[in-house]
Amino acid sequence: MRVSWLRRFRKRDPVPPAPVVTRDIELPGLGSITVSRSIDCTGDSCPRPQLLTMKTLEQMREGEIMELLSDNPASVEAIPAMMLVLYSTHLATIKGDGGWRIYVRKGL
């Protein structure tokens, strides 16, 4: 039987789970939100940011918000579209000096 690449990635578990952090931030147009997980993918290329996002969303509870830091333009474009497939919501993407900050809420 063939094992998909995603199952192999999950099985190996090369990256520890994203630590639980709780901090309040202000998002333009949304107001104050509480971020519960933060992933730093600065310097990583595709598909690592997408795979880490999927893995972290699996560990989160419904309604929690995750922050993804990335400097890879392809990943920044892919994450919002990925949220529809993962039954989650893209809240905002904010461009900064070192890259982008992407905010995602688990659940629709």
N, C-alpha and C. Protein backbone atom coordinates (compact mmCIF):
# COMPACT_ATOMS: atom_id res chain seq x y z
N MET A 1 0.84 -1.18 0.00
CA MET A 1 0.00 0.00 0.00
C MET A 1 0.89 1.24 0.00
N ARG A 2 0.49 2.23 -0.80
CA ARG A 2 1.24 3.48 -0.90
C ARG A 2 0.91 4.42 0.24
N VAL A 3 1.93 5.03 0.82
CA VAL A 3 1.73 6.00 1.89
C VAL A 3 1.95 7.39 1.31
N SER A 4 1.00 8.26 1.54
CA SER A 4 1.12 9.60 0.98
C SER A 4 2.25 10.37 1.67
N TRP A 5 2.76 11.39 1.00
CA TRP A 5 3.85 12.20 1.56
C TRP A 5 3.42 12.92 2.83
N LEU A 6 2.12 13.26 2.92
CA LEU A 6 1.65 13.94 4.12
C LEU A 6 1.67 13.01 5.33
N ARG A 7 1.28 11.77 5.13
CA ARG A 7 1.34 10.80 6.24
C ARG A 7 2.77 10.56 6.68
N ARG A 8 3.69 10.50 5.72
CA ARG A 8 5.10 10.32 6.09
C ARG A 8 5.59 11.51 6.90
N PHE A 9 5.18 12.71 6.51
CA PHE A 9 5.58 13.91 7.25
C PHE A 9 5.05 13.86 8.68
N ARG A 10 3.78 13.51 8.81
CA ARG A 10 3.16 13.46 10.14
C ARG A 10 3.78 12.35 10.99
N LYS A 11 4.09 11.24 10.38
CA LYS A 11 4.63 10.10 11.12
C LYS A 11 6.01 10.41 11.69
N ARG A 12 6.85 11.05 10.90
CA ARG A 12 8.20 11.38 11.36
C ARG A 12 8.21 12.43 12.44
N ASP A 13 7.26 13.37 12.35
CA ASP A 13 7.15 14.44 13.32
C ASP A 13 8.49 15.11 13.61
N PRO A 14 9.17 15.67 12.57
CA PRO A 14 10.49 16.25 12.76
C PRO A 14 10.49 17.56 13.55
N VAL A 15 9.34 18.17 13.70
CA VAL A 15 9.26 19.46 14.35
C VAL A 15 8.36 19.33 15.57
N PRO A 16 8.81 19.80 16.73
CA PRO A 16 7.93 19.75 17.90
C PRO A 16 6.72 20.64 17.70
N PRO A 17 5.64 20.38 18.43
CA PRO A 17 4.44 21.21 18.28
C PRO A 17 4.73 22.68 18.60
N ALA A 18 3.99 23.55 17.94
CA ALA A 18 4.15 24.99 18.20
C ALA A 18 3.78 25.27 19.65
N PRO A 19 4.63 25.98 20.37
CA PRO A 19 4.32 26.26 21.77
C PRO A 19 3.08 27.13 21.92
N VAL A 20 2.38 26.91 23.00
CA VAL A 20 1.19 27.71 23.28
C VAL A 20 1.66 29.04 23.86
N VAL A 21 1.30 30.11 23.18
CA VAL A 21 1.59 31.46 23.66
C VAL A 21 0.26 32.20 23.70
N THR A 22 0.13 33.07 24.62
CA THR A 22 -1.09 33.86 24.69
C THR A 22 -0.71 35.32 24.78
N ARG A 23 -1.07 36.05 23.73
CA ARG A 23 -0.81 37.49 23.74
C ARG A 23 -1.88 38.18 22.92
N ASP A 24 -2.22 39.36 23.33
CA ASP A 24 -3.23 40.15 22.64
C ASP A 24 -2.55 41.10 21.67
N ILE A 25 -3.11 41.21 20.47
CA ILE A 25 -2.60 42.15 19.47
C ILE A 25 -3.78 42.86 18.82
N GLU A 26 -3.50 43.97 18.17
CA GLU A 26 -4.51 44.73 17.42
C GLU A 26 -4.34 44.45 15.94
N LEU A 27 -5.42 44.02 15.29
CA LEU A 27 -5.41 43.81 13.85
C LEU A 27 -6.27 44.88 13.20
N PRO A 28 -5.76 45.52 12.15
CA PRO A 28 -6.55 46.55 11.46
C PRO A 28 -7.87 45.98 10.96
N GLY A 29 -8.96 46.62 11.31
CA GLY A 29 -10.27 46.20 10.86
C GLY A 29 -10.91 45.13 11.73
N LEU A 30 -10.14 44.47 12.59
CA LEU A 30 -10.68 43.41 13.44
C LEU A 30 -10.64 43.75 14.92
N GLY A 31 -9.79 44.67 15.28
CA GLY A 31 -9.65 45.05 16.69
C GLY A 31 -8.68 44.13 17.42
N SER A 32 -8.94 43.92 18.68
CA SER A 32 -8.05 43.14 19.53
C SER A 32 -8.35 41.65 19.39
N ILE A 33 -7.30 40.84 19.19
CA ILE A 33 -7.45 39.39 19.14
C ILE A 33 -6.39 38.77 20.04
N THR A 34 -6.62 37.53 20.44
CA THR A 34 -5.67 36.80 21.27
C THR A 34 -5.05 35.70 20.44
N VAL A 35 -3.74 35.77 20.27
CA VAL A 35 -3.00 34.75 19.53
C VAL A 35 -2.63 33.65 20.50
N SER A 36 -2.92 32.40 20.14
CA SER A 36 -2.61 31.29 21.04
C SER A 36 -1.41 30.47 20.57
N ARG A 37 -1.06 30.54 19.28
CA ARG A 37 0.11 29.83 18.76
C ARG A 37 0.84 30.74 17.78
N SER A 38 2.17 30.59 17.74
CA SER A 38 2.98 31.37 16.81
C SER A 38 4.03 30.46 16.18
N ILE A 39 4.13 30.50 14.85
CA ILE A 39 5.10 29.70 14.13
C ILE A 39 6.01 30.65 13.37
N ASP A 40 7.32 30.48 13.51
CA ASP A 40 8.29 31.30 12.78
C ASP A 40 8.88 30.47 11.65
N CYS A 41 8.46 30.77 10.43
CA CYS A 41 8.95 30.07 9.24
C CYS A 41 9.85 30.99 8.41
N THR A 42 10.42 31.98 9.04
CA THR A 42 11.32 32.89 8.34
C THR A 42 12.51 32.10 7.83
N GLY A 43 12.78 32.22 6.54
CA GLY A 43 13.89 31.50 5.93
C GLY A 43 13.51 30.15 5.36
N ASP A 44 12.30 29.68 5.63
CA ASP A 44 11.85 28.39 5.11
C ASP A 44 11.15 28.58 3.77
N SER A 45 11.33 27.62 2.89
CA SER A 45 10.67 27.68 1.59
C SER A 45 9.51 26.69 1.55
N CYS A 46 8.73 26.75 0.48
CA CYS A 46 7.59 25.84 0.31
C CYS A 46 8.09 24.41 0.27
N PRO A 47 7.38 23.47 0.79
CA PRO A 47 6.06 23.54 1.41
C PRO A 47 6.10 23.58 2.93
N ARG A 48 7.26 23.82 3.52
CA ARG A 48 7.38 23.77 4.98
C ARG A 48 6.38 24.67 5.73
N PRO A 49 6.21 25.96 5.36
CA PRO A 49 5.23 26.78 6.08
C PRO A 49 3.80 26.22 6.00
N GLN A 50 3.43 25.69 4.84
CA GLN A 50 2.10 25.13 4.69
C GLN A 50 1.94 23.88 5.56
N LEU A 51 2.94 23.02 5.57
CA LEU A 51 2.85 21.79 6.36
C LEU A 51 2.83 22.09 7.85
N LEU A 52 3.63 23.04 8.30
CA LEU A 52 3.62 23.41 9.71
C LEU A 52 2.29 24.05 10.10
N THR A 53 1.70 24.80 9.20
CA THR A 53 0.39 25.39 9.46
C THR A 53 -0.65 24.29 9.64
N MET A 54 -0.64 23.31 8.76
CA MET A 54 -1.58 22.19 8.86
C MET A 54 -1.39 21.44 10.18
N LYS A 55 -0.16 21.16 10.52
CA LYS A 55 0.16 20.42 11.74
C LYS A 55 -0.29 21.20 12.98
N THR A 56 -0.06 22.50 13.00
CA THR A 56 -0.43 23.32 14.14
C THR A 56 -1.95 23.43 14.26
N LEU A 57 -2.65 23.58 13.15
CA LEU A 57 -4.11 23.65 13.20
C LEU A 57 -4.71 22.37 13.78
N GLU A 58 -4.10 21.23 13.51
CA GLU A 58 -4.58 19.96 14.08
C GLU A 58 -4.49 19.97 15.60
N GLN A 59 -3.51 20.67 16.15
CA GLN A 59 -3.28 20.69 17.60
C GLN A 59 -4.11 21.74 18.32
N MET A 60 -4.73 22.63 17.57
CA MET A 60 -5.47 23.74 18.17
C MET A 60 -6.94 23.39 18.40
N ARG A 61 -7.57 24.12 19.30
CA ARG A 61 -9.00 23.99 19.53
C ARG A 61 -9.75 24.97 18.62
N GLU A 62 -11.00 24.69 18.40
CA GLU A 62 -11.87 25.53 17.58
C GLU A 62 -11.88 26.96 18.14
N GLY A 63 -11.68 27.94 17.28
CA GLY A 63 -11.72 29.34 17.68
C GLY A 63 -10.38 29.94 18.06
N GLU A 64 -9.35 29.12 18.27
CA GLU A 64 -8.02 29.64 18.60
C GLU A 64 -7.40 30.29 17.37
N ILE A 65 -6.50 31.24 17.61
CA ILE A 65 -5.86 31.99 16.52
C ILE A 65 -4.36 31.71 16.51
N MET A 66 -3.84 31.51 15.30
CA MET A 66 -2.43 31.22 15.08
C MET A 66 -1.80 32.36 14.28
N GLU A 67 -0.54 32.64 14.58
CA GLU A 67 0.24 33.63 13.84
C GLU A 67 1.37 32.90 13.13
N LEU A 68 1.52 33.14 11.84
CA LEU A 68 2.60 32.54 11.05
C LEU A 68 3.50 33.66 10.54
N LEU A 69 4.79 33.56 10.82
CA LEU A 69 5.76 34.53 10.32
C LEU A 69 6.48 33.90 9.13
N SER A 70 6.50 34.59 8.01
CA SER A 70 7.14 34.04 6.81
C SER A 70 7.71 35.15 5.95
N ASP A 71 8.80 34.83 5.26
CA ASP A 71 9.37 35.77 4.30
C ASP A 71 9.33 35.18 2.88
N ASN A 72 8.56 34.11 2.70
CA ASN A 72 8.45 33.44 1.42
C ASN A 72 7.16 33.86 0.73
N PRO A 73 7.24 34.61 -0.38
CA PRO A 73 6.03 35.11 -1.04
C PRO A 73 5.08 34.01 -1.50
N ALA A 74 5.60 32.88 -1.95
CA ALA A 74 4.74 31.79 -2.41
C ALA A 74 3.92 31.22 -1.26
N SER A 75 4.52 31.09 -0.11
CA SER A 75 3.79 30.59 1.06
C SER A 75 2.72 31.58 1.50
N VAL A 76 3.07 32.85 1.46
CA VAL A 76 2.12 33.89 1.87
C VAL A 76 0.88 33.86 0.98
N GLU A 77 1.05 33.58 -0.29
CA GLU A 77 -0.08 33.49 -1.21
C GLU A 77 -0.88 32.21 -1.02
N ALA A 78 -0.21 31.13 -0.64
CA ALA A 78 -0.87 29.83 -0.53
C ALA A 78 -1.69 29.66 0.74
N ILE A 79 -1.25 30.23 1.84
CA ILE A 79 -1.91 30.01 3.14
C ILE A 79 -3.39 30.42 3.14
N PRO A 80 -3.76 31.63 2.67
CA PRO A 80 -5.19 32.00 2.71
C PRO A 80 -6.07 31.03 1.92
N ALA A 81 -5.63 30.58 0.76
CA ALA A 81 -6.42 29.64 -0.04
C ALA A 81 -6.52 28.28 0.64
N MET A 82 -5.48 27.90 1.35
CA MET A 82 -5.45 26.63 2.06
C MET A 82 -6.49 26.57 3.17
N MET A 83 -6.85 27.71 3.72
CA MET A 83 -7.77 27.73 4.86
C MET A 83 -9.15 27.20 4.51
N LEU A 84 -9.59 27.37 3.29
CA LEU A 84 -10.89 26.84 2.88
C LEU A 84 -10.90 25.32 2.97
N VAL A 85 -9.82 24.69 2.56
CA VAL A 85 -9.71 23.23 2.58
C VAL A 85 -9.61 22.72 4.01
N LEU A 86 -9.00 23.50 4.89
CA LEU A 86 -8.79 23.09 6.28
C LEU A 86 -9.90 23.55 7.21
N TYR A 87 -10.99 24.08 6.66
CA TYR A 87 -12.13 24.56 7.44
C TYR A 87 -11.70 25.57 8.51
N SER A 88 -10.88 26.49 8.09
CA SER A 88 -10.40 27.54 8.97
C SER A 88 -10.56 28.89 8.28
N THR A 89 -10.25 29.97 8.99
CA THR A 89 -10.49 31.31 8.48
C THR A 89 -9.20 32.13 8.46
N HIS A 90 -8.90 32.70 7.30
CA HIS A 90 -7.78 33.63 7.19
C HIS A 90 -8.27 34.98 7.68
N LEU A 91 -7.62 35.51 8.72
CA LEU A 91 -8.05 36.79 9.28
C LEU A 91 -7.35 37.98 8.66
N ALA A 92 -6.02 37.88 8.51
CA ALA A 92 -5.27 39.01 7.98
C ALA A 92 -3.86 38.59 7.60
N THR A 93 -3.30 39.30 6.66
CA THR A 93 -1.88 39.19 6.31
C THR A 93 -1.31 40.59 6.38
N ILE A 94 -0.28 40.75 7.20
CA ILE A 94 0.31 42.07 7.41
C ILE A 94 1.76 42.05 6.97
N LYS A 95 2.11 42.96 6.07
CA LYS A 95 3.49 43.08 5.57
C LYS A 95 4.30 43.91 6.54
N GLY A 96 5.46 43.39 6.91
CA GLY A 96 6.37 44.11 7.79
C GLY A 96 7.74 44.22 7.15
N ASP A 97 8.72 44.68 7.91
CA ASP A 97 10.08 44.85 7.38
C ASP A 97 10.72 43.53 6.98
N GLY A 98 10.60 42.50 7.82
CA GLY A 98 11.27 41.23 7.58
C GLY A 98 10.44 40.20 6.87
N GLY A 99 9.21 40.51 6.53
CA GLY A 99 8.34 39.53 5.88
C GLY A 99 6.88 39.82 6.20
N TRP A 100 6.10 38.75 6.32
CA TRP A 100 4.67 38.87 6.56
C TRP A 100 4.28 38.17 7.85
N ARG A 101 3.18 38.63 8.42
CA ARG A 101 2.54 37.98 9.56
C ARG A 101 1.14 37.59 9.09
N ILE A 102 0.87 36.29 9.15
CA ILE A 102 -0.42 35.77 8.70
C ILE A 102 -1.20 35.29 9.92
N TYR A 103 -2.44 35.71 10.05
CA TYR A 103 -3.28 35.33 11.18
C TYR A 103 -4.42 34.45 10.71
N VAL A 104 -4.55 33.31 11.38
CA VAL A 104 -5.54 32.29 10.99
C VAL A 104 -6.32 31.86 12.23
N ARG A 105 -7.62 31.71 12.10
CA ARG A 105 -8.46 31.17 13.18
C ARG A 105 -8.95 29.79 12.79
N LYS A 106 -8.81 28.83 13.70
CA LYS A 106 -9.30 27.49 13.43
C LYS A 106 -10.82 27.52 13.47
N GLY A 107 -11.43 27.01 12.44
CA GLY A 107 -12.88 27.01 12.31
C GLY A 107 -13.36 28.09 11.37
N LEU A 108 -14.57 27.93 10.90
CA LEU A 108 -15.11 28.89 9.94
C LEU A 108 -15.86 30.01 10.61
